[in-house]
N, C-alpha and C. Protein backbone atom coordinates (compact mmCIF):
# COMPACT_ATOMS: atom_id res chain seq x y z
N MET A 1 102.10 97.87 101.81
CA MET A 1 100.52 98.31 103.23
C MET A 1 100.49 99.48 103.58
N ILE A 2 99.63 100.20 104.34
CA ILE A 2 99.34 101.66 104.58
C ILE A 2 99.07 100.81 105.74
N GLU A 3 99.99 102.50 106.75
CA GLU A 3 99.69 102.36 108.23
C GLU A 3 99.16 103.87 107.91
N ILE A 4 97.91 103.80 109.17
CA ILE A 4 97.35 104.99 110.65
C ILE A 4 97.80 104.55 110.97
N LYS A 5 97.89 105.69 111.80
CA LYS A 5 98.97 105.68 112.90
C LYS A 5 98.25 106.64 114.47
N ASN A 6 97.68 106.36 114.99
CA ASN A 6 97.51 107.95 116.57
C ASN A 6 96.76 108.27 116.05
N ILE A 7 95.62 109.26 114.76
CA ILE A 7 95.60 109.89 113.74
C ILE A 7 94.62 111.06 115.03
N THR A 8 94.64 112.18 114.69
CA THR A 8 94.20 112.96 115.59
C THR A 8 93.14 114.29 113.83
N LYS A 9 92.14 114.25 113.64
CA LYS A 9 91.58 115.40 112.56
C LYS A 9 90.35 116.18 113.08
N LYS A 10 90.29 117.35 113.41
CA LYS A 10 89.10 117.63 113.46
C LYS A 10 88.76 119.62 112.51
N TYR A 11 87.06 119.70 112.33
CA TYR A 11 87.64 120.80 111.40
C TYR A 11 86.50 121.72 112.74
N ASP A 12 87.11 122.83 112.46
CA ASP A 12 87.06 123.39 113.81
C ASP A 12 86.71 123.00 115.55
N ASP A 13 85.62 123.45 115.41
CA ASP A 13 86.07 122.73 116.79
C ASP A 13 85.37 120.64 116.90
N ARG A 14 84.81 119.88 115.99
CA ARG A 14 84.40 119.37 114.98
C ARG A 14 85.16 117.56 115.05
N VAL A 15 85.41 117.58 116.36
CA VAL A 15 86.67 116.11 116.00
C VAL A 15 85.86 114.56 114.95
N ILE A 16 86.65 115.05 114.11
CA ILE A 16 86.17 113.42 113.77
C ILE A 16 87.19 112.24 113.58
N PHE A 17 88.48 112.00 114.01
CA PHE A 17 89.24 111.20 114.58
C PHE A 17 89.60 112.07 115.55
N LYS A 18 89.92 110.33 116.65
CA LYS A 18 90.93 111.29 117.70
C LYS A 18 92.22 109.49 117.97
N ASN A 19 92.77 110.13 117.53
CA ASN A 19 93.64 108.38 118.20
C ASN A 19 94.08 106.94 116.77
N PHE A 20 93.23 107.39 116.48
CA PHE A 20 92.44 106.98 115.27
C PHE A 20 94.27 105.61 114.78
N SER A 21 93.22 104.30 114.49
CA SER A 21 94.98 104.05 114.10
C SER A 21 94.19 102.28 112.95
N LEU A 22 95.10 102.45 111.76
CA LEU A 22 94.50 100.79 110.84
C LEU A 22 95.51 100.79 110.33
N LYS A 23 95.65 99.45 109.80
CA LYS A 23 96.25 99.05 108.93
C LYS A 23 95.50 97.97 107.83
N ILE A 24 96.53 98.33 106.86
CA ILE A 24 94.95 97.37 105.65
C ILE A 24 96.69 97.38 104.50
N ASN A 25 96.15 95.67 104.31
CA ASN A 25 97.48 95.23 103.79
C ASN A 25 97.34 95.18 102.68
N ASP A 26 98.46 94.16 101.79
CA ASP A 26 99.04 94.67 100.61
C ASP A 26 97.86 93.66 100.00
N GLY A 27 96.93 93.79 99.30
CA GLY A 27 95.88 93.53 97.94
C GLY A 27 94.51 92.48 99.31
N GLU A 28 94.46 93.60 99.75
CA GLU A 28 93.37 93.42 100.53
C GLU A 28 91.42 94.78 100.42
N PHE A 29 90.62 94.01 100.12
CA PHE A 29 89.79 94.84 99.25
C PHE A 29 88.90 95.03 100.99
N VAL A 30 89.24 96.38 101.36
CA VAL A 30 87.89 97.03 102.17
C VAL A 30 87.13 97.76 101.42
N VAL A 31 86.25 97.61 102.47
CA VAL A 31 84.47 98.13 102.67
C VAL A 31 83.91 99.04 102.96
N ILE A 32 85.08 100.71 103.54
CA ILE A 32 84.60 101.51 104.81
C ILE A 32 83.16 102.22 104.89
N THR A 33 83.05 101.40 105.62
CA THR A 33 81.07 102.83 105.49
C THR A 33 81.04 102.90 106.68
N GLY A 34 79.51 103.97 106.74
CA GLY A 34 79.03 104.84 108.64
C GLY A 34 78.51 105.42 108.11
N LYS A 35 77.70 106.53 108.90
CA LYS A 35 76.34 106.95 108.86
C LYS A 35 76.81 108.65 108.59
N SER A 36 76.45 109.66 107.45
CA SER A 36 76.35 109.81 107.09
C SER A 36 78.08 111.13 107.50
N GLY A 37 78.70 111.93 107.80
CA GLY A 37 79.68 112.68 108.63
C GLY A 37 80.49 112.25 109.49
N CYS A 38 80.59 110.77 109.82
CA CYS A 38 81.07 110.65 110.45
C CYS A 38 82.58 109.72 110.21
N GLY A 39 82.97 110.68 108.48
CA GLY A 39 84.73 111.04 108.59
C GLY A 39 84.83 109.80 107.32
N LYS A 40 83.64 109.09 106.45
CA LYS A 40 84.90 107.88 105.69
C LYS A 40 85.29 108.64 104.55
N SER A 41 84.70 110.00 103.88
CA SER A 41 86.14 110.50 102.48
C SER A 41 86.93 110.66 103.57
N THR A 42 87.40 111.59 105.00
CA THR A 42 87.82 112.26 105.03
C THR A 42 88.80 111.32 105.41
N LEU A 43 89.37 109.75 106.17
CA LEU A 43 89.74 109.09 106.00
C LEU A 43 89.96 108.83 104.07
N LEU A 44 89.35 108.49 103.63
CA LEU A 44 90.33 108.37 102.33
C LEU A 44 91.20 109.28 101.99
N ASN A 45 90.76 110.62 102.28
CA ASN A 45 91.78 111.87 101.51
C ASN A 45 93.24 111.48 102.07
N ILE A 46 92.43 111.18 103.89
CA ILE A 46 94.47 110.86 104.35
C ILE A 46 95.15 109.91 104.14
N ILE A 47 94.52 109.23 103.50
CA ILE A 47 95.93 107.31 103.29
C ILE A 47 95.43 108.69 102.08
N GLY A 48 94.95 108.67 101.14
CA GLY A 48 95.06 109.06 99.63
C GLY A 48 96.26 110.55 99.48
N LEU A 49 96.48 111.05 100.93
CA LEU A 49 97.77 111.57 101.43
C LEU A 49 97.35 113.38 100.15
N LEU A 50 95.85 113.59 100.30
CA LEU A 50 94.90 114.80 99.50
C LEU A 50 94.96 116.12 100.99
N GLU A 51 95.19 115.50 101.60
CA GLU A 51 95.11 116.17 103.19
C GLU A 51 95.46 115.72 104.32
N ASP A 52 95.89 116.36 105.94
CA ASP A 52 96.81 115.77 106.13
C ASP A 52 96.29 115.92 107.72
N PRO A 53 96.47 115.16 108.02
CA PRO A 53 95.55 114.66 110.05
C PRO A 53 96.31 115.65 109.73
N ASP A 54 95.33 116.39 111.51
CA ASP A 54 96.40 117.58 112.50
C ASP A 54 97.33 117.01 113.17
N LYS A 55 97.38 115.16 114.41
CA LYS A 55 98.54 114.93 114.76
C LYS A 55 98.69 113.54 114.08
N GLY A 56 98.88 112.46 114.04
CA GLY A 56 99.82 111.02 113.88
C GLY A 56 100.11 111.02 112.28
N LYS A 57 100.20 109.82 112.22
CA LYS A 57 101.21 109.77 111.38
C LYS A 57 100.98 108.46 110.42
N VAL A 58 100.96 109.07 108.62
CA VAL A 58 100.16 107.98 107.45
C VAL A 58 101.87 107.90 106.97
N VAL A 59 101.55 106.40 107.16
CA VAL A 59 103.11 105.37 106.44
C VAL A 59 102.57 104.68 104.81
N ILE A 60 103.29 104.56 103.95
CA ILE A 60 102.98 103.98 101.97
C ILE A 60 104.07 102.87 102.48
N ASP A 61 103.62 101.91 102.26
CA ASP A 61 105.04 100.94 102.24
C ASP A 61 106.14 101.40 102.80
N GLY A 62 105.75 101.15 103.60
CA GLY A 62 107.16 102.41 104.57
C GLY A 62 107.60 103.29 105.01
N GLU A 63 107.08 103.81 104.06
CA GLU A 63 108.03 105.74 103.45
C GLU A 63 106.59 106.45 104.67
N LYS A 64 107.30 107.34 105.60
CA LYS A 64 106.40 108.42 106.29
C LYS A 64 105.81 109.46 105.29
N ILE A 65 104.79 109.35 105.34
CA ILE A 65 104.18 110.67 104.76
C ILE A 65 104.46 112.17 105.95
N LEU A 66 105.25 112.89 105.84
CA LEU A 66 104.93 114.13 106.24
C LEU A 66 104.84 114.83 106.58
N SER A 67 103.70 115.22 105.41
CA SER A 67 102.37 116.42 104.87
C SER A 67 102.18 115.94 102.86
N SER A 68 100.61 115.83 103.30
CA SER A 68 100.54 115.88 101.72
C SER A 68 101.51 116.99 100.48
N GLN A 69 101.90 117.95 101.00
CA GLN A 69 102.66 118.86 100.22
C GLN A 69 104.42 118.64 99.87
N SER A 70 104.80 117.40 101.00
CA SER A 70 106.25 116.93 100.70
C SER A 70 106.24 116.80 98.61
N LYS A 71 108.08 116.17 99.23
CA LYS A 71 107.65 115.54 97.40
C LYS A 71 108.31 113.98 98.28
N ASN A 72 108.04 113.89 98.73
CA ASN A 72 107.90 112.26 98.69
C ASN A 72 105.97 111.84 99.00
N ALA A 73 105.07 112.58 99.07
CA ALA A 73 104.39 113.08 98.24
C ALA A 73 103.89 112.76 98.30
N VAL A 74 103.78 113.63 96.80
CA VAL A 74 103.66 114.04 95.51
C VAL A 74 104.32 112.87 94.28
N LYS A 75 105.26 111.75 95.31
CA LYS A 75 106.03 110.75 94.77
C LYS A 75 105.07 109.59 94.40
N VAL A 76 104.79 109.08 95.89
CA VAL A 76 103.80 108.65 95.96
C VAL A 76 102.26 108.29 95.20
N ILE A 77 101.88 109.63 95.27
CA ILE A 77 100.61 110.34 94.88
C ILE A 77 100.31 109.30 93.01
N ARG A 78 101.90 110.02 92.31
CA ARG A 78 102.11 109.64 91.14
C ARG A 78 102.70 108.30 90.82
N ASN A 79 103.00 107.81 91.69
CA ASN A 79 103.44 106.29 91.74
C ASN A 79 103.02 104.82 92.32
N LYS A 80 102.61 105.62 92.83
CA LYS A 80 101.45 104.15 93.60
C LYS A 80 100.00 105.03 93.61
N ILE A 81 99.47 105.59 94.26
CA ILE A 81 97.33 105.54 94.74
C ILE A 81 97.14 106.27 92.56
N SER A 82 96.19 105.35 93.16
CA SER A 82 94.51 105.81 91.53
C SER A 82 93.58 106.13 92.60
N TYR A 83 93.45 107.13 91.71
CA TYR A 83 91.34 108.11 92.57
C TYR A 83 90.68 107.13 91.38
N VAL A 84 88.89 107.56 92.61
CA VAL A 84 88.14 106.71 91.54
C VAL A 84 86.74 108.21 92.51
N PHE A 85 86.77 108.45 91.39
CA PHE A 85 85.78 109.93 92.73
C PHE A 85 83.67 109.07 92.04
N GLN A 86 83.16 109.76 92.53
CA GLN A 86 82.05 110.37 92.41
C GLN A 86 81.16 110.47 91.43
N ASN A 87 81.92 111.45 91.64
CA ASN A 87 81.45 113.13 90.24
C ASN A 87 82.91 112.83 88.95
N PHE A 88 83.71 111.98 88.64
CA PHE A 88 83.76 110.64 87.33
C PHE A 88 85.75 112.06 87.63
N ALA A 89 85.85 113.30 87.89
CA ALA A 89 85.88 113.36 87.41
C ALA A 89 87.40 113.58 86.88
N LEU A 90 86.89 113.79 85.06
CA LEU A 90 86.85 113.65 83.57
C LEU A 90 86.64 115.74 83.21
N VAL A 91 87.22 115.82 82.17
CA VAL A 91 87.46 116.98 81.75
C VAL A 91 85.91 116.68 80.86
N ASP A 92 84.88 117.35 80.80
CA ASP A 92 83.08 116.54 80.15
C ASP A 92 84.01 117.94 78.41
N GLU A 93 84.19 118.63 78.16
CA GLU A 93 84.13 118.81 76.41
C GLU A 93 85.64 118.30 75.78
N GLU A 94 85.94 117.49 76.47
CA GLU A 94 87.67 117.13 75.97
C GLU A 94 87.17 115.44 75.70
N THR A 95 88.20 115.16 74.89
CA THR A 95 87.83 112.85 74.11
C THR A 95 88.09 112.82 75.70
N VAL A 96 87.75 110.90 75.42
CA VAL A 96 88.10 110.03 76.85
C VAL A 96 89.00 110.35 76.20
N LYS A 97 90.28 110.42 74.58
CA LYS A 97 91.72 110.49 74.93
C LYS A 97 92.06 110.53 75.39
N TYR A 98 92.02 112.33 75.10
CA TYR A 98 92.35 112.79 76.19
C TYR A 98 92.56 112.81 77.31
N ASN A 99 91.70 112.74 78.12
CA ASN A 99 91.67 112.55 79.57
C ASN A 99 92.84 111.79 79.89
N LEU A 100 92.74 110.00 79.19
CA LEU A 100 92.93 108.99 79.71
C LEU A 100 94.69 109.28 79.21
N MET A 101 94.97 110.09 78.58
CA MET A 101 95.88 110.91 78.52
C MET A 101 96.59 112.08 79.20
N LEU A 102 96.39 112.51 79.83
CA LEU A 102 96.64 113.19 81.51
C LEU A 102 96.41 111.54 81.68
N ALA A 103 96.25 111.02 82.14
CA ALA A 103 96.90 110.08 82.91
C ALA A 103 98.14 109.43 82.72
N LEU A 104 99.18 109.57 81.49
CA LEU A 104 100.32 109.36 81.09
C LEU A 104 101.41 109.85 81.04
N ARG A 105 100.88 111.31 81.44
CA ARG A 105 101.85 112.07 81.27
C ARG A 105 103.22 112.69 81.39
N TYR A 106 103.05 111.63 82.81
CA TYR A 106 105.14 111.60 82.84
C TYR A 106 105.00 110.17 82.94
N VAL A 107 104.22 109.41 82.20
CA VAL A 107 105.48 108.76 81.39
C VAL A 107 105.92 108.41 79.82
N LYS A 108 107.04 107.52 81.14
CA LYS A 108 107.27 108.10 79.34
C LYS A 108 107.69 106.90 78.09
N LEU A 109 106.90 107.41 76.86
CA LEU A 109 106.61 107.06 75.58
C LEU A 109 105.92 107.84 75.10
N SER A 110 106.38 106.84 73.88
CA SER A 110 106.27 107.84 72.89
C SER A 110 103.79 107.42 72.18
N HIS A 111 103.45 108.73 71.65
CA HIS A 111 102.61 108.85 72.27
C HIS A 111 102.38 107.53 71.08
N LYS A 112 102.65 106.43 70.17
CA LYS A 112 101.72 105.30 69.92
C LYS A 112 101.80 104.31 71.21
N GLU A 113 102.21 104.48 71.51
CA GLU A 113 102.42 103.74 72.53
C GLU A 113 101.60 103.79 74.04
N LYS A 114 100.89 105.39 74.32
CA LYS A 114 100.25 105.83 75.02
C LYS A 114 98.82 105.72 74.39
N GLU A 115 98.73 105.48 73.24
CA GLU A 115 97.52 105.14 72.58
C GLU A 115 97.36 103.87 72.84
N ASN A 116 97.74 103.31 72.35
CA ASN A 116 97.70 101.00 72.20
C ASN A 116 97.50 101.58 73.76
N LYS A 117 98.13 102.29 74.93
CA LYS A 117 98.12 101.78 76.58
C LYS A 117 96.36 101.74 76.98
N ILE A 118 96.12 103.24 75.75
CA ILE A 118 94.90 103.87 76.14
C ILE A 118 93.72 102.18 76.01
N ALA A 119 93.65 102.23 74.00
CA ALA A 119 92.97 101.14 73.50
C ALA A 119 92.67 99.47 74.82
N ASP A 120 94.23 99.76 74.97
CA ASP A 120 94.17 98.38 75.98
C ASP A 120 93.26 98.13 77.71
N ALA A 121 93.76 99.38 77.89
CA ALA A 121 92.65 100.49 79.07
C ALA A 121 91.12 100.45 79.19
N LEU A 122 90.67 100.86 77.23
CA LEU A 122 89.62 100.81 77.26
C LEU A 122 88.91 99.32 77.10
N ALA A 123 89.46 98.88 76.33
CA ALA A 123 89.88 97.34 76.14
C ALA A 123 88.29 96.91 77.83
N LYS A 124 89.71 96.55 78.86
CA LYS A 124 89.13 96.26 80.04
C LYS A 124 88.41 96.82 80.67
N VAL A 125 87.94 97.81 80.54
CA VAL A 125 86.30 98.12 81.08
C VAL A 125 85.24 98.25 80.20
N GLY A 126 85.56 97.44 78.78
CA GLY A 126 84.37 96.92 78.19
C GLY A 126 84.00 98.47 76.89
N LEU A 127 85.11 99.44 76.60
CA LEU A 127 84.20 100.90 76.32
C LEU A 127 85.55 100.83 75.29
N CYS A 128 85.67 99.89 73.69
CA CYS A 128 86.91 99.41 72.94
C CYS A 128 85.73 100.05 72.14
N GLY A 129 86.94 101.13 71.44
CA GLY A 129 86.70 102.57 70.40
C GLY A 129 85.68 103.18 70.39
N TYR A 130 86.41 104.03 71.85
CA TYR A 130 85.76 104.68 72.20
C TYR A 130 86.69 106.45 72.57
N GLU A 131 87.65 105.79 72.35
CA GLU A 131 88.66 107.72 71.64
C GLU A 131 88.24 108.38 72.25
N ASN A 132 88.21 108.11 71.12
CA ASN A 132 87.28 110.07 70.57
C ASN A 132 85.71 111.06 70.70
N LYS A 133 84.76 109.56 71.17
CA LYS A 133 84.36 110.48 71.81
C LYS A 133 84.43 111.36 72.94
N LYS A 134 83.28 112.47 73.50
CA LYS A 134 83.39 113.28 73.95
C LYS A 134 83.20 112.83 75.81
N ILE A 135 83.76 113.41 76.68
CA ILE A 135 82.47 113.15 77.92
C ILE A 135 81.27 112.98 78.11
N TYR A 136 80.77 114.39 77.88
CA TYR A 136 79.68 115.15 77.80
C TYR A 136 78.69 113.68 77.32
N GLN A 137 79.32 113.14 76.14
CA GLN A 137 79.07 112.17 75.60
C GLN A 137 78.29 111.03 76.55
N LEU A 138 78.85 110.69 77.21
CA LEU A 138 78.43 109.94 77.41
C LEU A 138 77.56 109.59 78.93
N SER A 139 77.20 108.38 78.35
CA SER A 139 76.85 107.51 80.09
C SER A 139 77.02 107.70 81.80
N GLY A 140 76.82 108.43 82.75
CA GLY A 140 77.30 108.16 84.30
C GLY A 140 78.11 106.75 84.29
N GLY A 141 77.39 105.51 83.40
CA GLY A 141 77.69 104.57 83.74
C GLY A 141 79.31 104.81 82.68
N GLU A 142 78.67 105.11 81.98
CA GLU A 142 80.36 104.77 80.89
C GLU A 142 81.65 105.55 81.16
N GLN A 143 80.84 107.10 81.46
CA GLN A 143 82.42 107.40 82.90
C GLN A 143 82.42 107.08 84.14
N GLN A 144 82.15 106.59 84.21
CA GLN A 144 83.13 106.04 85.45
C GLN A 144 84.08 104.80 85.25
N ARG A 145 83.44 104.74 83.87
CA ARG A 145 84.28 103.62 83.59
C ARG A 145 85.50 103.71 82.65
N VAL A 146 85.30 104.94 82.24
CA VAL A 146 86.75 106.15 81.92
C VAL A 146 87.66 106.20 82.48
N SER A 147 87.10 106.71 83.69
CA SER A 147 87.75 107.01 85.70
C SER A 147 88.52 105.62 85.66
N LEU A 148 88.15 103.49 85.82
CA LEU A 148 88.47 102.97 85.78
C LEU A 148 89.61 102.04 85.00
N ALA A 149 89.58 103.56 84.26
CA ALA A 149 89.91 102.88 82.69
C ALA A 149 92.33 103.47 83.06
N ARG A 150 92.20 104.37 83.80
CA ARG A 150 93.21 105.80 84.27
C ARG A 150 93.92 104.68 85.05
N VAL A 151 93.31 103.66 86.01
CA VAL A 151 94.12 102.89 86.87
C VAL A 151 94.70 101.54 86.48
N PHE A 152 94.74 101.54 85.02
CA PHE A 152 95.03 100.95 84.65
C PHE A 152 96.62 101.22 83.54
N LEU A 153 96.56 102.16 83.16
CA LEU A 153 97.07 102.79 82.97
C LEU A 153 98.13 103.88 83.69
N LYS A 154 97.96 103.22 84.88
CA LYS A 154 99.79 103.96 86.31
C LYS A 154 99.96 102.76 86.88
N PRO A 155 101.35 102.54 87.19
CA PRO A 155 102.14 101.94 87.76
C PRO A 155 101.43 102.26 90.24
N SER A 156 100.07 101.91 89.87
CA SER A 156 99.49 102.12 90.97
C SER A 156 99.14 100.95 91.67
N GLU A 157 99.62 101.47 92.51
CA GLU A 157 99.43 99.97 93.82
C GLU A 157 97.98 100.02 94.36
N ILE A 158 97.67 101.38 94.42
CA ILE A 158 96.76 100.84 95.87
C ILE A 158 95.19 102.20 94.97
N ILE A 159 93.73 101.40 95.35
CA ILE A 159 92.78 102.25 94.21
C ILE A 159 91.89 102.97 95.74
N LEU A 160 91.49 103.95 95.72
CA LEU A 160 91.24 105.03 96.58
C LEU A 160 89.45 105.09 95.64
N ALA A 161 88.72 104.77 96.34
CA ALA A 161 87.35 104.98 95.56
C ALA A 161 86.69 105.71 96.62
N ASP A 162 86.15 106.95 96.05
CA ASP A 162 84.94 107.53 97.40
C ASP A 162 83.53 107.52 96.40
N GLU A 163 82.69 106.19 97.23
CA GLU A 163 81.25 106.40 96.64
C GLU A 163 80.68 106.01 95.46
N PRO A 164 82.20 105.09 94.48
CA PRO A 164 82.77 105.05 92.92
C PRO A 164 80.48 104.93 92.51
N THR A 165 80.20 104.81 92.55
CA THR A 165 78.16 103.72 92.75
C THR A 165 77.34 105.01 92.55
N GLY A 166 77.53 105.86 93.75
CA GLY A 166 76.07 106.21 94.47
C GLY A 166 75.55 107.15 93.46
N SER A 167 76.58 108.08 91.96
CA SER A 167 75.34 108.20 90.70
C SER A 167 74.70 107.79 90.01
N LEU A 168 75.52 106.11 90.23
CA LEU A 168 75.01 105.11 88.77
C LEU A 168 74.18 104.46 89.43
N ASP A 169 72.80 103.28 88.55
CA ASP A 169 72.23 103.05 88.48
C ASP A 169 72.35 101.91 88.72
N LYS A 170 71.53 101.21 88.77
CA LYS A 170 72.06 99.26 89.46
C LYS A 170 72.53 98.35 88.73
N GLU A 171 71.77 97.99 87.59
CA GLU A 171 73.38 98.04 86.02
C GLU A 171 74.05 98.28 86.61
N ASN A 172 74.71 99.45 86.12
CA ASN A 172 75.90 100.46 86.35
C ASN A 172 76.70 100.00 86.79
N ALA A 173 75.98 100.98 88.48
CA ALA A 173 76.64 100.29 89.51
C ALA A 173 77.47 98.83 89.78
N ALA A 174 76.53 97.76 89.24
CA ALA A 174 77.06 96.16 89.93
C ALA A 174 78.83 96.25 88.38
N ILE A 175 78.49 96.83 87.20
CA ILE A 175 78.91 97.33 86.11
C ILE A 175 80.63 97.72 86.57
N VAL A 176 80.76 98.09 87.33
CA VAL A 176 81.32 99.08 88.78
C VAL A 176 82.72 98.80 89.14
N ILE A 177 81.58 98.18 89.57
CA ILE A 177 81.46 97.20 91.07
C ILE A 177 82.24 96.08 90.97
N ASN A 178 82.06 94.64 89.52
CA ASN A 178 82.96 93.92 89.19
C ASN A 178 84.06 94.71 88.79
N ILE A 179 84.12 94.99 88.05
CA ILE A 179 85.04 95.91 87.55
C ILE A 179 87.06 95.94 88.50
N LEU A 180 85.58 97.08 89.39
CA LEU A 180 86.94 96.91 90.78
C LEU A 180 86.97 95.61 91.75
N LYS A 181 86.62 95.07 92.02
CA LYS A 181 86.43 93.59 91.98
C LYS A 181 87.49 92.73 90.58
N ARG A 182 87.84 92.54 90.17
CA ARG A 182 88.48 92.43 88.56
C ARG A 182 89.97 92.64 89.50
N ILE A 183 90.14 94.06 89.58
CA ILE A 183 90.99 95.15 89.03
C ILE A 183 92.23 93.71 90.89
N ASN A 184 91.02 94.00 91.78
CA ASN A 184 92.07 93.35 93.43
C ASN A 184 92.09 91.65 92.33
N ARG A 185 91.19 90.90 92.41
CA ARG A 185 91.05 90.07 92.32
C ARG A 185 92.53 88.81 90.98
N ASP A 186 92.12 89.81 89.87
CA ASP A 186 93.63 89.65 88.57
C ASP A 186 95.12 89.95 89.31
N TYR A 187 94.87 91.30 89.98
CA TYR A 187 96.26 92.93 89.33
C TYR A 187 96.11 93.24 91.02
N GLY A 188 96.15 91.87 91.40
CA GLY A 188 96.16 92.15 93.36
C GLY A 188 96.76 93.41 94.00
N LYS A 189 96.07 94.28 93.02
CA LYS A 189 96.36 95.38 93.70
C LYS A 189 95.04 95.97 95.11
N THR A 190 95.85 96.26 95.87
CA THR A 190 94.52 97.40 96.92
C THR A 190 93.38 97.90 96.72
N VAL A 191 91.91 97.33 97.55
CA VAL A 191 91.42 98.66 96.86
C VAL A 191 90.77 98.61 98.90
N LEU A 192 90.26 100.66 98.15
CA LEU A 192 89.91 100.95 99.29
C LEU A 192 88.94 101.53 98.93
N ILE A 193 87.36 100.83 99.07
CA ILE A 193 86.27 101.79 99.10
C ILE A 193 85.14 102.40 99.81
N VAL A 194 84.82 103.86 99.89
CA VAL A 194 83.94 103.71 100.41
C VAL A 194 82.66 104.50 100.88
N THR A 195 81.20 103.42 101.19
CA THR A 195 79.98 103.78 100.58
C THR A 195 79.01 103.49 101.21
N HIS A 196 77.81 104.31 101.30
CA HIS A 196 77.01 103.80 102.07
C HIS A 196 76.16 103.18 101.77
N ASP A 197 76.07 102.53 101.04
CA ASP A 197 74.70 101.71 100.31
C ASP A 197 74.98 100.73 100.93
N GLU A 198 74.79 99.67 101.42
CA GLU A 198 74.12 98.12 102.78
C GLU A 198 74.55 96.95 101.07
N ASN A 199 74.46 97.40 100.54
CA ASN A 199 74.54 96.64 99.46
C ASN A 199 75.34 96.39 98.94
N LEU A 200 76.55 96.76 99.32
CA LEU A 200 78.25 96.38 99.08
C LEU A 200 79.53 96.50 100.22
N LYS A 201 78.65 95.88 101.61
CA LYS A 201 78.69 95.83 102.47
C LYS A 201 79.87 94.60 102.36
N GLU A 202 79.04 93.85 102.01
CA GLU A 202 79.55 92.59 101.08
C GLU A 202 81.24 91.92 100.38
N ILE A 203 81.37 92.65 99.93
CA ILE A 203 82.33 92.44 98.22
C ILE A 203 83.68 92.03 98.41
N GLY A 204 83.94 92.83 99.76
CA GLY A 204 85.98 93.16 99.90
C GLY A 204 85.91 92.32 101.42
N ASP A 205 87.21 91.99 101.53
CA ASP A 205 87.67 90.81 101.94
C ASP A 205 87.65 91.67 103.75
N ARG A 206 87.02 93.02 104.51
CA ARG A 206 87.05 94.01 105.66
C ARG A 206 86.03 94.40 105.25
N ILE A 207 85.47 94.67 106.31
CA ILE A 207 84.30 95.95 106.44
C ILE A 207 84.59 96.98 107.99
N ILE A 208 85.53 98.67 107.01
CA ILE A 208 86.07 98.74 108.19
C ILE A 208 84.10 99.97 108.36
N ASP A 209 83.95 100.69 109.61
CA ASP A 209 82.26 100.60 109.93
C ASP A 209 83.03 102.08 111.18
N LEU A 210 82.36 103.05 110.18
CA LEU A 210 83.17 104.01 111.35
C LEU A 210 82.06 105.29 111.91
N SER A 211 80.68 104.49 112.23
CA SER A 211 79.22 104.68 112.83
C SER A 211 80.05 104.98 113.85
C-alpha cells in the first residue's frame, strides 16, 4: 500500500500541494491526470522517492520514508519500485542486453541466469532476439518496450509510469498500455500512470484528477 499523508510541496513561492493525502491499495491501476503544471509528475516523484515533500509523510508498505536519501528509501527503490519514463531512460549507444543487465546488477544470479531472465523479459514485451541490438537502432515504441522489460527483471511491486505514451504514435501507445495492463492484471502489480492523454483516463481502476 502507498500512503501520502498531508504533504506540502512548493517551488519557490508556488504551492503545488498543501496538506494533500492519498492512499493507493495493492494491485490498483491508477491514472493521474490534470492540466500542465498541476503537479502530476511531482506527485509521482514523491511517491517514487525521487524527491521529498516539504512537509508530510510518505509510507510504502507500512514503512515510513523520512527522506529520499535515507537507507530505507534506497532499499525500497531497489526492491519495490520500477520506473517507466517518457524518454525511456536508456543508454543509447549500448545494446539492449547491456541496458537490461543494469537492472540486474544487484541480483545474485549467474551471468547465464541473468541472460535467461533477459530473454524471458524481452519475450513478454514482444522483442524476442533483440539482446544485441543497439538502443539507437530501435523505434520509440521498441525503446519503451525495452524500458518495460526492466519491470519483469526487478522484484518490484509498484510500477510508476510518467507519460509512458507521450512520445509514441497511436499503435505503439496501445502496445505499451496493453503491457502495463497485463503487468497489473496477470502479475498483480500496482501501476500508477501520469498522463495528459484524455484517451487513457478510462484504462485504470481509479482516476485522480489534480486540475
